[in-house]
Amino acid sequence: MEKTSRPDSLFSRPLFAFLYVALLAITAAAAIRATLAAHADREMSKTGRAEWIWYTREVKEPAPIAFVATRDVVLDRAPSRAMAKIFADRWHVLWVNGQRAGSGRQQPGDPLILHEIAELLSRGVNRIAIEAGSETGVGGLLFSLDLEGSGRDAVFSDARWRVDPSRDAIRSGGRYRAEVWGRPPMYPWGWPRLPRPNELTDR
């Protein structure tokens, strides 16, 4: 009886073996990229030592409030990259050295708002000013600045910030010490996250 030969396995053929290995490599590379991206997202979303600050702790009845929070920072050189991460319940306008850098509205559950401000910073003293407020008088402001060369959380919101009800403080600086609520996670804001790509907009 004539014996029939057994068909060769697909993987014994050089072309199919090569394609199989290539597919495995692509899949592994994609998984590694996803893991690294998730890690980078978690790291960047951290606001480090930043604390929630506000103009006052005394809110006797709901009423609109608006104020300016300021902080001066001295830089040895102008950074090529500087990412400001802000959460302001309910709204903010960011100013750097008297120039408007961006704005936004947020409420608990929303992501951080990111502003790239390197082009507004220079060597020497720089003034960061944030107009903030809410319609009820109650709110919180969280700020962290990542600087290339200085690292993450190089400038952050804390008791050293000054606040003022006058918009003149954008240029002159605040006169009063900011009230501190504490560091994240805090009710009702928890840990503010980074925005997803489809949530990023020019502000």
N, C-alpha and C. Protein backbone atom coordinates (compact mmCIF):
# COMPACT_ATOMS: atom_id res chain seq x y z
N MET A 1 0.86 -1.19 0.00
CA MET A 1 0.00 0.00 0.00
C MET A 1 0.89 1.24 0.00
N GLU A 2 0.52 2.19 -0.84
CA GLU A 2 1.33 3.40 -0.94
C GLU A 2 1.06 4.30 0.26
N LYS A 3 2.13 4.72 0.87
CA LYS A 3 1.99 5.59 2.04
C LYS A 3 1.90 7.05 1.59
N THR A 4 0.97 7.72 2.21
CA THR A 4 0.84 9.15 1.91
C THR A 4 1.64 9.92 2.94
N SER A 5 2.31 10.95 2.50
CA SER A 5 3.13 11.75 3.43
C SER A 5 2.24 12.69 4.23
N ARG A 6 2.62 12.90 5.46
CA ARG A 6 1.88 13.78 6.37
C ARG A 6 2.13 15.23 5.98
N PRO A 7 1.08 16.06 5.90
CA PRO A 7 1.28 17.46 5.52
C PRO A 7 2.20 18.16 6.51
N ASP A 8 3.05 19.01 6.00
CA ASP A 8 3.94 19.78 6.88
C ASP A 8 3.12 20.76 7.71
N SER A 9 3.53 20.95 8.96
CA SER A 9 2.91 21.98 9.80
C SER A 9 3.19 23.35 9.20
N LEU A 10 2.22 24.24 9.36
CA LEU A 10 2.40 25.61 8.86
C LEU A 10 3.64 26.24 9.46
N PHE A 11 3.91 25.91 10.74
CA PHE A 11 5.02 26.54 11.43
C PHE A 11 6.37 25.97 11.02
N SER A 12 6.32 24.86 10.25
CA SER A 12 7.59 24.32 9.75
C SER A 12 8.02 25.02 8.48
N ARG A 13 7.14 25.83 7.92
CA ARG A 13 7.47 26.57 6.73
C ARG A 13 8.09 27.92 7.13
N PRO A 14 9.22 28.27 6.60
CA PRO A 14 9.95 29.47 7.03
C PRO A 14 9.12 30.74 7.01
N LEU A 15 8.33 30.96 5.97
CA LEU A 15 7.57 32.20 5.86
C LEU A 15 6.54 32.32 6.97
N PHE A 16 5.78 31.22 7.19
CA PHE A 16 4.76 31.27 8.23
C PHE A 16 5.38 31.39 9.61
N ALA A 17 6.50 30.73 9.83
CA ALA A 17 7.19 30.83 11.12
C ALA A 17 7.65 32.26 11.36
N PHE A 18 8.17 32.88 10.32
CA PHE A 18 8.63 34.27 10.45
C PHE A 18 7.46 35.20 10.78
N LEU A 19 6.33 35.02 10.07
CA LEU A 19 5.16 35.87 10.31
C LEU A 19 4.62 35.67 11.73
N TYR A 20 4.64 34.43 12.20
CA TYR A 20 4.15 34.14 13.55
C TYR A 20 5.02 34.83 14.61
N VAL A 21 6.34 34.73 14.45
CA VAL A 21 7.25 35.38 15.39
C VAL A 21 7.09 36.89 15.34
N ALA A 22 6.94 37.43 14.12
CA ALA A 22 6.77 38.87 13.97
C ALA A 22 5.49 39.34 14.65
N LEU A 23 4.41 38.55 14.51
CA LEU A 23 3.14 38.91 15.15
C LEU A 23 3.28 38.91 16.67
N LEU A 24 3.97 37.90 17.20
CA LEU A 24 4.20 37.85 18.64
C LEU A 24 5.00 39.06 19.11
N ALA A 25 6.01 39.45 18.34
CA ALA A 25 6.85 40.59 18.71
C ALA A 25 6.04 41.89 18.70
N ILE A 26 5.19 42.05 17.68
CA ILE A 26 4.35 43.25 17.59
C ILE A 26 3.38 43.32 18.76
N THR A 27 2.77 42.17 19.09
CA THR A 27 1.82 42.12 20.20
C THR A 27 2.51 42.45 21.52
N ALA A 28 3.70 41.89 21.72
CA ALA A 28 4.45 42.16 22.95
C ALA A 28 4.85 43.62 23.04
N ALA A 29 5.29 44.20 21.91
CA ALA A 29 5.69 45.61 21.90
C ALA A 29 4.51 46.51 22.22
N ALA A 30 3.33 46.17 21.68
CA ALA A 30 2.13 46.96 21.95
C ALA A 30 1.76 46.90 23.42
N ALA A 31 1.89 45.71 24.01
CA ALA A 31 1.57 45.55 25.43
C ALA A 31 2.54 46.35 26.30
N ILE A 32 3.82 46.34 25.93
CA ILE A 32 4.83 47.10 26.68
C ILE A 32 4.55 48.59 26.58
N ARG A 33 4.22 49.05 25.35
CA ARG A 33 3.92 50.47 25.17
C ARG A 33 2.71 50.89 26.00
N ALA A 34 1.69 50.03 26.03
CA ALA A 34 0.49 50.34 26.80
C ALA A 34 0.80 50.42 28.29
N THR A 35 1.65 49.49 28.76
CA THR A 35 2.04 49.50 30.18
C THR A 35 2.82 50.75 30.53
N LEU A 36 3.78 51.11 29.66
CA LEU A 36 4.59 52.31 29.91
C LEU A 36 3.73 53.56 29.85
N ALA A 37 2.78 53.61 28.92
CA ALA A 37 1.89 54.77 28.82
C ALA A 37 1.03 54.91 30.06
N ALA A 38 0.53 53.77 30.56
CA ALA A 38 -0.29 53.81 31.77
C ALA A 38 0.53 54.27 32.96
N HIS A 39 1.78 53.79 33.04
CA HIS A 39 2.66 54.21 34.13
C HIS A 39 2.94 55.70 34.05
N ALA A 40 3.25 56.19 32.84
CA ALA A 40 3.53 57.61 32.66
C ALA A 40 2.31 58.44 33.02
N ASP A 41 1.12 57.94 32.66
CA ASP A 41 -0.12 58.65 32.97
C ASP A 41 -0.30 58.77 34.48
N ARG A 42 -0.05 57.66 35.19
CA ARG A 42 -0.19 57.69 36.65
C ARG A 42 0.81 58.65 37.27
N GLU A 43 2.06 58.61 36.78
CA GLU A 43 3.09 59.47 37.34
C GLU A 43 2.77 60.94 37.11
N MET A 44 2.39 61.28 35.88
CA MET A 44 2.14 62.67 35.57
C MET A 44 0.91 63.20 36.28
N SER A 45 -0.08 62.31 36.52
CA SER A 45 -1.31 62.76 37.15
C SER A 45 -1.11 63.09 38.61
N LYS A 46 0.00 62.64 39.19
CA LYS A 46 0.26 62.97 40.58
C LYS A 46 0.61 64.44 40.71
N THR A 47 0.05 65.07 41.71
CA THR A 47 0.36 66.47 41.95
C THR A 47 1.28 66.63 43.15
N GLY A 48 1.90 65.51 43.56
CA GLY A 48 2.95 65.57 44.57
C GLY A 48 2.54 66.21 45.87
N ARG A 49 3.29 67.23 46.26
CA ARG A 49 3.05 67.90 47.54
C ARG A 49 2.01 69.00 47.46
N ALA A 50 1.38 69.16 46.31
CA ALA A 50 0.38 70.22 46.15
C ALA A 50 -0.77 70.03 47.12
N GLU A 51 -1.25 71.13 47.68
CA GLU A 51 -2.37 71.12 48.60
C GLU A 51 -3.52 71.93 48.02
N TRP A 52 -4.72 71.55 48.42
CA TRP A 52 -5.90 72.33 48.04
C TRP A 52 -5.90 73.63 48.83
N ILE A 53 -6.01 74.75 48.12
CA ILE A 53 -6.05 76.05 48.78
C ILE A 53 -7.31 76.79 48.35
N TRP A 54 -7.63 77.85 49.12
CA TRP A 54 -8.80 78.67 48.80
C TRP A 54 -8.62 80.03 49.47
N TYR A 55 -9.54 80.92 49.16
CA TYR A 55 -9.43 82.27 49.70
C TYR A 55 -9.81 82.32 51.17
N THR A 56 -10.86 81.60 51.55
CA THR A 56 -11.34 81.65 52.93
C THR A 56 -12.00 80.34 53.32
N ARG A 57 -12.02 80.08 54.61
CA ARG A 57 -12.75 78.94 55.15
C ARG A 57 -14.15 79.33 55.60
N GLU A 58 -14.39 80.62 55.74
CA GLU A 58 -15.65 81.11 56.31
C GLU A 58 -16.65 81.43 55.21
N VAL A 59 -17.60 80.53 55.03
CA VAL A 59 -18.69 80.74 54.08
C VAL A 59 -20.00 80.60 54.84
N LYS A 60 -20.59 81.72 55.21
CA LYS A 60 -21.80 81.70 56.04
C LYS A 60 -23.04 81.35 55.22
N GLU A 61 -23.07 81.77 53.97
CA GLU A 61 -24.19 81.45 53.10
C GLU A 61 -23.68 81.44 51.65
N PRO A 62 -24.34 80.70 50.78
CA PRO A 62 -23.88 80.63 49.39
C PRO A 62 -23.85 82.00 48.72
N ALA A 63 -22.72 82.34 48.16
CA ALA A 63 -22.56 83.61 47.45
C ALA A 63 -21.35 83.49 46.54
N PRO A 64 -21.39 84.09 45.36
CA PRO A 64 -20.26 84.00 44.44
C PRO A 64 -18.98 84.56 45.05
N ILE A 65 -17.86 83.96 44.71
CA ILE A 65 -16.56 84.44 45.17
C ILE A 65 -15.58 84.38 44.01
N ALA A 66 -14.69 85.36 43.97
CA ALA A 66 -13.62 85.38 42.97
C ALA A 66 -12.39 86.01 43.62
N PHE A 67 -11.23 85.45 43.35
CA PHE A 67 -10.00 85.95 43.94
C PHE A 67 -8.83 85.58 43.06
N VAL A 68 -7.66 86.07 43.42
CA VAL A 68 -6.43 85.76 42.70
C VAL A 68 -5.45 85.10 43.67
N ALA A 69 -4.89 83.97 43.29
CA ALA A 69 -3.85 83.29 44.08
C ALA A 69 -2.53 83.45 43.33
N THR A 70 -1.48 83.85 44.06
CA THR A 70 -0.20 84.12 43.39
C THR A 70 0.96 83.44 44.08
N ARG A 71 1.98 83.18 43.28
CA ARG A 71 3.24 82.63 43.81
C ARG A 71 4.36 83.07 42.88
N ASP A 72 5.45 83.58 43.46
CA ASP A 72 6.63 83.95 42.69
C ASP A 72 7.63 82.80 42.73
N VAL A 73 8.24 82.52 41.59
CA VAL A 73 9.23 81.46 41.51
C VAL A 73 10.44 81.97 40.76
N VAL A 74 11.63 81.64 41.28
CA VAL A 74 12.89 82.08 40.66
C VAL A 74 13.48 80.92 39.88
N LEU A 75 13.79 81.16 38.61
CA LEU A 75 14.36 80.13 37.74
C LEU A 75 15.77 80.50 37.33
N ASP A 76 16.65 79.51 37.33
CA ASP A 76 18.04 79.72 36.89
C ASP A 76 18.13 79.94 35.39
N ARG A 77 17.16 79.37 34.67
CA ARG A 77 17.12 79.52 33.21
C ARG A 77 15.69 79.32 32.74
N ALA A 78 15.43 79.76 31.54
CA ALA A 78 14.10 79.56 30.96
C ALA A 78 13.95 78.10 30.55
N PRO A 79 12.91 77.41 31.00
CA PRO A 79 12.74 76.00 30.65
C PRO A 79 12.24 75.83 29.22
N SER A 80 12.59 74.71 28.61
CA SER A 80 12.08 74.43 27.27
C SER A 80 10.70 73.79 27.34
N ARG A 81 10.38 73.20 28.51
CA ARG A 81 9.04 72.63 28.72
C ARG A 81 8.59 72.94 30.13
N ALA A 82 7.33 73.28 30.27
CA ALA A 82 6.76 73.57 31.59
C ALA A 82 5.26 73.28 31.53
N MET A 83 4.83 72.23 32.22
CA MET A 83 3.44 71.82 32.18
C MET A 83 2.74 72.15 33.50
N ALA A 84 1.78 73.06 33.43
CA ALA A 84 0.99 73.42 34.61
C ALA A 84 -0.23 72.51 34.66
N LYS A 85 -0.47 71.91 35.84
CA LYS A 85 -1.62 71.04 36.05
C LYS A 85 -2.52 71.71 37.08
N ILE A 86 -3.76 71.96 36.70
CA ILE A 86 -4.66 72.74 37.55
C ILE A 86 -6.00 72.05 37.72
N PHE A 87 -6.51 72.12 38.94
CA PHE A 87 -7.92 71.81 39.19
C PHE A 87 -8.46 72.95 40.03
N ALA A 88 -9.48 73.63 39.50
CA ALA A 88 -10.10 74.74 40.22
C ALA A 88 -11.61 74.52 40.20
N ASP A 89 -12.17 74.28 41.34
CA ASP A 89 -13.61 74.08 41.49
C ASP A 89 -14.22 75.43 41.91
N ARG A 90 -14.79 76.23 40.96
CA ARG A 90 -15.36 75.85 39.71
C ARG A 90 -14.68 76.42 38.46
N TRP A 91 -13.93 77.47 38.56
CA TRP A 91 -13.32 78.00 37.34
C TRP A 91 -11.97 78.64 37.65
N HIS A 92 -11.17 78.80 36.60
CA HIS A 92 -9.88 79.47 36.78
C HIS A 92 -9.43 80.14 35.48
N VAL A 93 -8.59 81.14 35.66
CA VAL A 93 -7.85 81.75 34.55
C VAL A 93 -6.40 81.82 35.01
N LEU A 94 -5.50 81.24 34.23
CA LEU A 94 -4.08 81.20 34.60
C LEU A 94 -3.33 82.34 33.91
N TRP A 95 -2.55 83.06 34.71
CA TRP A 95 -1.71 84.14 34.21
C TRP A 95 -0.25 83.86 34.58
N VAL A 96 0.65 84.10 33.65
CA VAL A 96 2.08 83.94 33.90
C VAL A 96 2.78 85.22 33.48
N ASN A 97 3.40 85.88 34.47
CA ASN A 97 4.08 87.15 34.21
C ASN A 97 3.17 88.15 33.51
N GLY A 98 1.91 88.19 33.96
CA GLY A 98 0.95 89.16 33.43
C GLY A 98 0.31 88.77 32.12
N GLN A 99 0.66 87.62 31.57
CA GLN A 99 0.09 87.18 30.31
C GLN A 99 -0.84 85.99 30.53
N ARG A 100 -1.99 86.04 29.89
CA ARG A 100 -2.97 84.96 30.05
C ARG A 100 -2.45 83.68 29.40
N ALA A 101 -2.51 82.59 30.16
CA ALA A 101 -1.99 81.30 29.67
C ALA A 101 -3.08 80.29 29.38
N GLY A 102 -4.29 80.49 29.90
CA GLY A 102 -5.37 79.54 29.67
C GLY A 102 -6.44 79.65 30.74
N SER A 103 -7.51 78.89 30.57
CA SER A 103 -8.61 78.94 31.52
C SER A 103 -9.40 77.64 31.45
N GLY A 104 -10.36 77.50 32.35
CA GLY A 104 -11.20 76.31 32.33
C GLY A 104 -12.21 76.31 33.45
N ARG A 105 -13.19 75.41 33.31
CA ARG A 105 -14.20 75.18 34.35
C ARG A 105 -14.15 73.71 34.74
N GLN A 106 -14.26 73.46 36.04
CA GLN A 106 -14.21 72.08 36.54
C GLN A 106 -15.16 71.91 37.71
N GLN A 107 -15.53 70.66 37.93
CA GLN A 107 -16.28 70.27 39.11
C GLN A 107 -15.81 68.90 39.54
N PRO A 108 -16.14 68.47 40.76
CA PRO A 108 -15.65 67.17 41.23
C PRO A 108 -15.92 66.06 40.22
N GLY A 109 -14.88 65.25 39.97
CA GLY A 109 -14.98 64.17 39.00
C GLY A 109 -14.33 64.50 37.68
N ASP A 110 -14.09 65.78 37.42
CA ASP A 110 -13.44 66.18 36.18
C ASP A 110 -11.93 65.93 36.27
N PRO A 111 -11.25 65.86 35.12
CA PRO A 111 -9.79 65.68 35.13
C PRO A 111 -9.07 67.00 35.35
N LEU A 112 -7.77 66.90 35.58
CA LEU A 112 -6.92 68.09 35.63
C LEU A 112 -6.96 68.80 34.28
N ILE A 113 -6.73 70.09 34.29
CA ILE A 113 -6.55 70.85 33.06
C ILE A 113 -5.07 71.16 32.93
N LEU A 114 -4.53 70.93 31.73
CA LEU A 114 -3.10 71.11 31.48
C LEU A 114 -2.85 72.35 30.64
N HIS A 115 -1.83 73.11 31.03
CA HIS A 115 -1.42 74.28 30.27
C HIS A 115 0.10 74.23 30.08
N GLU A 116 0.57 74.27 28.84
CA GLU A 116 2.01 74.36 28.56
C GLU A 116 2.39 75.84 28.60
N ILE A 117 3.28 76.22 29.54
CA ILE A 117 3.56 77.64 29.78
C ILE A 117 5.03 78.00 29.62
N ALA A 118 5.84 77.12 29.03
CA ALA A 118 7.28 77.38 28.93
C ALA A 118 7.59 78.70 28.24
N GLU A 119 6.84 79.03 27.19
CA GLU A 119 7.13 80.24 26.42
C GLU A 119 6.87 81.52 27.21
N LEU A 120 6.16 81.40 28.33
CA LEU A 120 5.86 82.58 29.15
C LEU A 120 6.81 82.74 30.33
N LEU A 121 7.67 81.75 30.56
CA LEU A 121 8.61 81.79 31.67
C LEU A 121 9.98 82.29 31.20
N SER A 122 10.72 82.88 32.12
CA SER A 122 12.04 83.40 31.78
C SER A 122 12.99 83.21 32.96
N ARG A 123 14.25 83.45 32.72
CA ARG A 123 15.23 83.39 33.81
C ARG A 123 14.95 84.50 34.80
N GLY A 124 15.08 84.18 36.10
CA GLY A 124 14.83 85.17 37.14
C GLY A 124 13.49 84.96 37.81
N VAL A 125 12.88 86.04 38.29
CA VAL A 125 11.62 85.95 39.03
C VAL A 125 10.44 85.88 38.07
N ASN A 126 9.58 84.90 38.29
CA ASN A 126 8.37 84.74 37.50
C ASN A 126 7.16 84.71 38.43
N ARG A 127 6.11 85.40 38.04
CA ARG A 127 4.90 85.42 38.87
C ARG A 127 3.81 84.58 38.23
N ILE A 128 3.37 83.57 38.98
CA ILE A 128 2.23 82.76 38.57
C ILE A 128 1.01 83.28 39.31
N ALA A 129 -0.03 83.60 38.58
CA ALA A 129 -1.27 84.11 39.18
C ALA A 129 -2.45 83.32 38.63
N ILE A 130 -3.33 82.91 39.52
CA ILE A 130 -4.50 82.15 39.11
C ILE A 130 -5.75 82.84 39.63
N GLU A 131 -6.56 83.34 38.72
CA GLU A 131 -7.89 83.81 39.10
C GLU A 131 -8.75 82.57 39.31
N ALA A 132 -9.45 82.53 40.42
CA ALA A 132 -10.28 81.36 40.71
C ALA A 132 -11.56 81.82 41.40
N GLY A 133 -12.57 80.97 41.36
CA GLY A 133 -13.80 81.32 42.03
C GLY A 133 -14.87 80.27 41.85
N SER A 134 -15.99 80.50 42.52
CA SER A 134 -17.14 79.61 42.39
C SER A 134 -18.41 80.42 42.62
N GLU A 135 -19.52 79.87 42.17
CA GLU A 135 -20.80 80.56 42.29
C GLU A 135 -21.38 80.46 43.70
N THR A 136 -20.87 79.53 44.51
CA THR A 136 -21.41 79.32 45.85
C THR A 136 -20.50 79.83 46.96
N GLY A 137 -19.26 80.17 46.62
CA GLY A 137 -18.30 80.60 47.64
C GLY A 137 -17.43 79.47 48.14
N VAL A 138 -17.86 78.23 47.91
CA VAL A 138 -17.11 77.05 48.35
C VAL A 138 -16.36 76.47 47.15
N GLY A 139 -15.11 76.08 47.36
CA GLY A 139 -14.34 75.49 46.27
C GLY A 139 -12.95 75.12 46.70
N GLY A 140 -12.14 74.75 45.73
CA GLY A 140 -10.75 74.39 46.00
C GLY A 140 -9.90 74.61 44.77
N LEU A 141 -8.63 74.91 45.01
CA LEU A 141 -7.67 75.16 43.93
C LEU A 141 -6.43 74.30 44.16
N LEU A 142 -6.07 73.52 43.16
CA LEU A 142 -4.89 72.65 43.23
C LEU A 142 -4.01 72.95 42.02
N PHE A 143 -2.71 73.16 42.28
CA PHE A 143 -1.79 73.53 41.20
C PHE A 143 -0.46 72.81 41.38
N SER A 144 0.08 72.31 40.26
CA SER A 144 1.40 71.70 40.26
C SER A 144 2.06 72.00 38.92
N LEU A 145 3.34 72.34 38.96
CA LEU A 145 4.06 72.69 37.75
C LEU A 145 5.25 71.77 37.56
N ASP A 146 5.29 71.08 36.42
CA ASP A 146 6.42 70.24 36.06
C ASP A 146 7.36 71.04 35.17
N LEU A 147 8.62 71.14 35.58
CA LEU A 147 9.61 71.90 34.82
C LEU A 147 10.71 70.99 34.31
N GLU A 148 11.01 71.07 33.02
CA GLU A 148 12.13 70.31 32.49
C GLU A 148 13.42 70.82 33.13
N GLY A 149 14.18 69.91 33.69
CA GLY A 149 15.41 70.29 34.37
C GLY A 149 15.24 70.36 35.87
N SER A 150 14.02 70.65 36.33
CA SER A 150 13.74 70.71 37.77
C SER A 150 12.88 69.55 38.22
N GLY A 151 12.22 68.89 37.29
CA GLY A 151 11.43 67.72 37.62
C GLY A 151 9.97 68.03 37.88
N ARG A 152 9.27 66.96 38.26
CA ARG A 152 7.85 67.07 38.55
C ARG A 152 7.62 67.81 39.86
N ASP A 153 6.48 68.51 39.91
CA ASP A 153 6.09 69.14 41.17
C ASP A 153 7.11 70.19 41.61
N ALA A 154 7.69 70.92 40.66
CA ALA A 154 8.71 71.93 41.00
C ALA A 154 8.09 73.12 41.71
N VAL A 155 6.87 73.45 41.35
CA VAL A 155 6.11 74.52 42.01
C VAL A 155 4.73 73.95 42.31
N PHE A 156 4.22 74.18 43.52
CA PHE A 156 2.93 73.58 43.87
C PHE A 156 2.18 74.47 44.85
N SER A 157 0.87 74.30 44.87
CA SER A 157 0.02 75.10 45.76
C SER A 157 0.16 74.65 47.20
N ASP A 158 0.35 75.62 48.10
CA ASP A 158 0.45 75.35 49.53
C ASP A 158 0.24 76.67 50.28
N ALA A 159 0.57 76.67 51.58
CA ALA A 159 0.33 77.85 52.42
C ALA A 159 1.20 79.04 52.04
N ARG A 160 2.22 78.84 51.21
CA ARG A 160 3.08 79.95 50.81
C ARG A 160 2.43 80.83 49.74
N TRP A 161 1.36 80.34 49.15
CA TRP A 161 0.68 81.14 48.15
C TRP A 161 -0.06 82.30 48.82
N ARG A 162 -0.17 83.40 48.09
CA ARG A 162 -0.89 84.58 48.59
C ARG A 162 -2.17 84.75 47.78
N VAL A 163 -3.21 85.22 48.44
CA VAL A 163 -4.50 85.42 47.78
C VAL A 163 -4.96 86.86 47.95
N ASP A 164 -5.83 87.29 47.05
CA ASP A 164 -6.30 88.67 47.09
C ASP A 164 -7.60 88.77 46.30
N PRO A 165 -8.58 89.54 46.80
CA PRO A 165 -9.83 89.69 46.05
C PRO A 165 -9.70 90.62 44.84
N SER A 166 -8.61 91.36 44.76
CA SER A 166 -8.42 92.32 43.68
C SER A 166 -7.67 91.70 42.50
N ARG A 167 -8.13 92.00 41.28
CA ARG A 167 -7.44 91.52 40.09
C ARG A 167 -6.09 92.20 39.90
N ASP A 168 -5.86 93.28 40.62
CA ASP A 168 -4.55 93.93 40.56
C ASP A 168 -3.44 92.99 40.99
N ALA A 169 -3.82 91.96 41.78
CA ALA A 169 -2.84 91.00 42.28
C ALA A 169 -2.20 90.18 41.16
N ILE A 170 -2.83 90.14 39.99
CA ILE A 170 -2.24 89.42 38.86
C ILE A 170 -0.84 89.95 38.58
N ARG A 171 -0.67 91.27 38.74
CA ARG A 171 0.64 91.88 38.51
C ARG A 171 1.38 92.23 39.80
N SER A 172 0.62 92.62 40.83
CA SER A 172 1.28 93.09 42.06
C SER A 172 1.49 92.00 43.09
N GLY A 173 0.78 90.87 42.97
CA GLY A 173 0.90 89.79 43.96
C GLY A 173 -0.17 89.89 45.03
N GLY A 174 -0.52 88.76 45.62
CA GLY A 174 -1.54 88.74 46.66
C GLY A 174 -1.03 89.27 47.99
N ARG A 175 -1.96 89.72 48.82
CA ARG A 175 -1.60 90.31 50.11
C ARG A 175 -1.83 89.38 51.30
N TYR A 176 -2.64 88.34 51.13
CA TYR A 176 -3.03 87.52 52.27
C TYR A 176 -2.62 86.06 52.08
N ARG A 177 -2.41 85.38 53.19
CA ARG A 177 -2.02 83.97 53.13
C ARG A 177 -3.21 83.11 52.71
N ALA A 178 -2.96 82.17 51.82
CA ALA A 178 -4.02 81.27 51.36
C ALA A 178 -4.45 80.32 52.47
N GLU A 179 -5.73 79.97 52.49
CA GLU A 179 -6.23 78.95 53.39
C GLU A 179 -5.99 77.58 52.76
N VAL A 180 -5.55 76.63 53.57
CA VAL A 180 -5.21 75.29 53.07
C VAL A 180 -6.23 74.27 53.54
N TRP A 181 -6.78 73.51 52.59
CA TRP A 181 -7.69 72.42 52.94
C TRP A 181 -6.92 71.13 53.23
N GLY A 182 -5.84 70.87 52.48
CA GLY A 182 -5.08 69.64 52.65
C GLY A 182 -4.71 69.04 51.30
N ARG A 183 -3.99 67.92 51.34
CA ARG A 183 -3.54 67.26 50.11
C ARG A 183 -4.57 66.24 49.61
N PRO A 184 -4.55 65.95 48.30
CA PRO A 184 -5.39 64.86 47.79
C PRO A 184 -4.98 63.53 48.43
N PRO A 185 -5.91 62.58 48.56
CA PRO A 185 -7.31 62.70 48.16
C PRO A 185 -8.14 63.37 49.24
N MET A 186 -9.01 64.25 48.84
CA MET A 186 -9.91 64.93 49.76
C MET A 186 -11.31 64.97 49.15
N TYR A 187 -12.30 64.83 50.00
CA TYR A 187 -13.68 64.96 49.54
C TYR A 187 -13.94 66.42 49.20
N PRO A 188 -14.60 66.72 48.09
CA PRO A 188 -15.24 65.80 47.14
C PRO A 188 -14.41 65.54 45.88
N TRP A 189 -13.12 65.93 45.88
CA TRP A 189 -12.34 65.88 44.64
C TRP A 189 -11.55 64.59 44.45
N GLY A 190 -11.25 63.89 45.53
CA GLY A 190 -10.47 62.66 45.40
C GLY A 190 -9.10 62.92 44.81
N TRP A 191 -8.68 62.02 43.90
CA TRP A 191 -7.42 62.18 43.16
C TRP A 191 -7.75 62.67 41.75
N PRO A 192 -7.58 63.94 41.45
CA PRO A 192 -7.85 64.39 40.07
C PRO A 192 -6.95 63.65 39.08
N ARG A 193 -7.54 63.18 38.00
CA ARG A 193 -6.81 62.40 37.00
C ARG A 193 -6.39 63.28 35.82
N LEU A 194 -5.53 62.70 35.00
CA LEU A 194 -5.17 63.37 33.75
C LEU A 194 -6.32 63.26 32.76
N PRO A 195 -6.46 64.23 31.88
CA PRO A 195 -7.49 64.11 30.85
C PRO A 195 -7.13 63.02 29.85
N ARG A 196 -8.15 62.34 29.33
CA ARG A 196 -7.93 61.41 28.23
C ARG A 196 -7.74 62.21 26.95
N PRO A 197 -7.15 61.60 25.92
CA PRO A 197 -6.87 62.34 24.68
C PRO A 197 -8.08 63.07 24.12
N ASN A 198 -9.27 62.44 24.19
CA ASN A 198 -10.45 63.08 23.61
C ASN A 198 -10.99 64.21 24.49
N GLU A 199 -10.40 64.38 25.68
CA GLU A 199 -10.82 65.47 26.55
C GLU A 199 -9.88 66.66 26.46
N LEU A 200 -8.76 66.50 25.75
CA LEU A 200 -7.79 67.58 25.61
C LEU A 200 -8.28 68.58 24.58
N THR A 201 -8.28 69.85 24.97
CA THR A 201 -8.68 70.91 24.06
C THR A 201 -7.73 72.07 24.22
N ASP A 202 -7.68 72.94 23.24
CA ASP A 202 -6.89 74.17 23.35
C ASP A 202 -7.65 75.12 24.25
N ARG A 203 -6.98 75.56 25.29
CA ARG A 203 -7.65 76.43 26.26
C ARG A 203 -6.94 77.77 26.29
